[in-house]
Amino acid sequence: MLAKIYRPSKNAMQSGKAKSDVWILEMETAPKRSVDPLMGWTGSDTTDTQVRISFDSMEDAVAYAKREEMDFRVLTSKEPKRIIKTYADNFSADRKFPWTH
């Protein structure tokens, strides 16, 4: 089964970047799923897809996957460009766009 190593994105509901500095190793979804005839729930034979392991760095996650002889892929995302602004910039004389009201 294939594992994926990625860095989670920041929470869209808040402006902070908490829990986005760790690397996560989790297994891809199992292709073989079955439907329970009594309850109708979907399940699989393994619990590998329920395990999420967090690491401090990508190198630690890759080393773990190699040590456990897992097939893995690393998903990297582009870091957003930070634009540092202050409240005083709204009132500066050299604004690019003047106030319209």
Protein backbone atom coordinates (compact mmCIF):
# COMPACT_ATOMS: atom_id res chain seq x y z
CA MET A 1 0.00 0.00 0.00
CA LEU A 2 1.25 3.47 -0.85
CA ALA A 3 1.91 6.05 1.89
CA LYS A 4 1.85 9.77 1.33
CA ILE A 5 3.95 12.30 3.19
CA TYR A 6 2.66 15.85 3.19
CA ARG A 7 2.44 19.05 5.17
CA PRO A 8 -1.15 20.01 6.05
CA SER A 9 -2.43 23.38 4.95
CA LYS A 10 -3.45 26.02 7.43
CA ASN A 11 -6.98 26.16 8.73
CA ALA A 12 -9.12 28.27 6.40
CA MET A 13 -11.37 29.40 9.25
CA GLN A 14 -8.59 31.13 11.20
CA SER A 15 -5.68 33.38 10.34
CA GLY A 16 -3.10 31.44 12.37
CA LYS A 17 -0.85 28.71 11.01
CA ALA A 18 -1.11 26.28 13.93
CA LYS A 19 -0.54 22.58 13.20
CA SER A 20 0.84 23.37 9.74
CA ASP A 21 4.51 23.06 10.66
CA VAL A 22 4.51 19.26 11.03
CA TRP A 23 4.75 16.57 8.35
CA ILE A 24 2.10 13.83 8.22
CA LEU A 25 2.54 10.27 6.99
CA GLU A 26 -0.68 8.46 6.18
CA MET A 27 -1.66 5.56 3.98
CA GLU A 28 -3.63 5.99 0.79
CA THR A 29 -7.16 4.63 0.80
CA ALA A 30 -7.44 0.89 0.47
CA PRO A 31 -8.87 -0.16 -2.90
CA LYS A 32 -10.77 -3.11 -1.46
CA ARG A 33 -13.82 -1.99 0.52
CA SER A 34 -16.87 -3.98 1.45
CA VAL A 35 -20.37 -3.12 2.57
CA ASP A 36 -21.63 -4.62 5.80
CA PRO A 37 -24.88 -6.46 4.97
CA LEU A 38 -26.54 -5.72 8.33
CA MET A 39 -25.80 -2.03 8.88
CA GLY A 40 -24.78 -0.94 5.39
CA TRP A 41 -21.51 0.59 6.60
CA THR A 42 -18.47 0.62 4.35
CA GLY A 43 -15.35 -1.02 5.73
CA SER A 44 -12.09 -2.66 4.82
CA ASP A 45 -9.93 -5.51 6.03
CA THR A 46 -7.12 -3.29 7.35
CA THR A 47 -6.93 -0.30 9.65
CA ASP A 48 -3.90 1.21 7.91
CA THR A 49 -5.91 4.11 6.51
CA GLN A 50 -6.87 5.25 10.01
CA VAL A 51 -3.27 5.82 11.13
CA ARG A 52 -1.71 9.28 10.82
CA ILE A 53 1.82 9.73 12.11
CA SER A 54 3.25 13.22 12.53
CA PHE A 55 6.93 14.14 12.23
CA ASP A 56 8.91 17.31 12.87
CA SER A 57 10.60 17.25 9.45
CA MET A 58 10.19 15.69 6.04
CA GLU A 59 13.52 13.88 6.43
CA ASP A 60 12.25 12.11 9.57
CA ALA A 61 9.10 10.97 7.78
CA VAL A 62 11.05 9.70 4.77
CA ALA A 63 13.53 7.89 7.03
CA TYR A 64 10.64 6.19 8.87
CA ALA A 65 9.00 5.09 5.62
CA LYS A 66 12.29 3.67 4.32
CA ARG A 67 12.99 1.90 7.62
CA GLU A 68 9.54 0.27 7.55
CA GLU A 69 10.00 -0.56 3.83
CA MET A 70 6.91 1.37 2.72
CA ASP A 71 6.27 2.67 -0.76
CA PHE A 72 5.73 6.40 -0.37
CA ARG A 73 5.45 9.68 -2.21
CA VAL A 74 6.16 13.15 -0.91
CA LEU A 75 3.66 15.90 -1.68
CA THR A 76 5.18 19.37 -1.44
CA SER A 77 3.23 22.58 -1.63
CA LYS A 78 4.37 26.06 -2.52
CA GLU A 79 4.76 28.39 0.43
CA PRO A 80 2.53 31.48 0.11
CA LYS A 81 4.28 34.78 -0.33
CA ARG A 82 3.96 36.83 2.83
CA ILE A 83 3.13 40.47 2.36
CA ILE A 84 3.99 42.32 5.52
CA LYS A 85 1.78 45.37 5.97
CA THR A 86 1.02 47.68 8.83
CA TYR A 87 -2.13 49.59 9.61
CA ALA A 88 -0.25 52.86 9.08
CA ASP A 89 0.29 51.95 5.42
CA ASN A 90 -3.41 52.68 4.82
CA PHE A 91 -2.77 56.37 5.52
CA SER A 92 0.64 56.91 3.96
CA ALA A 93 1.13 59.71 1.46
CA ASP A 94 2.70 57.46 -1.16
CA ARG A 95 -0.14 54.96 -1.52
CA LYS A 96 -0.37 53.26 -4.90
CA PHE A 97 -4.13 53.77 -5.04
CA PRO A 98 -5.68 56.86 -3.40
CA TRP A 99 -8.73 56.65 -1.21
CA THR A 100 -11.95 56.77 -3.19
CA HIS A 101 -14.28 57.92 -0.48
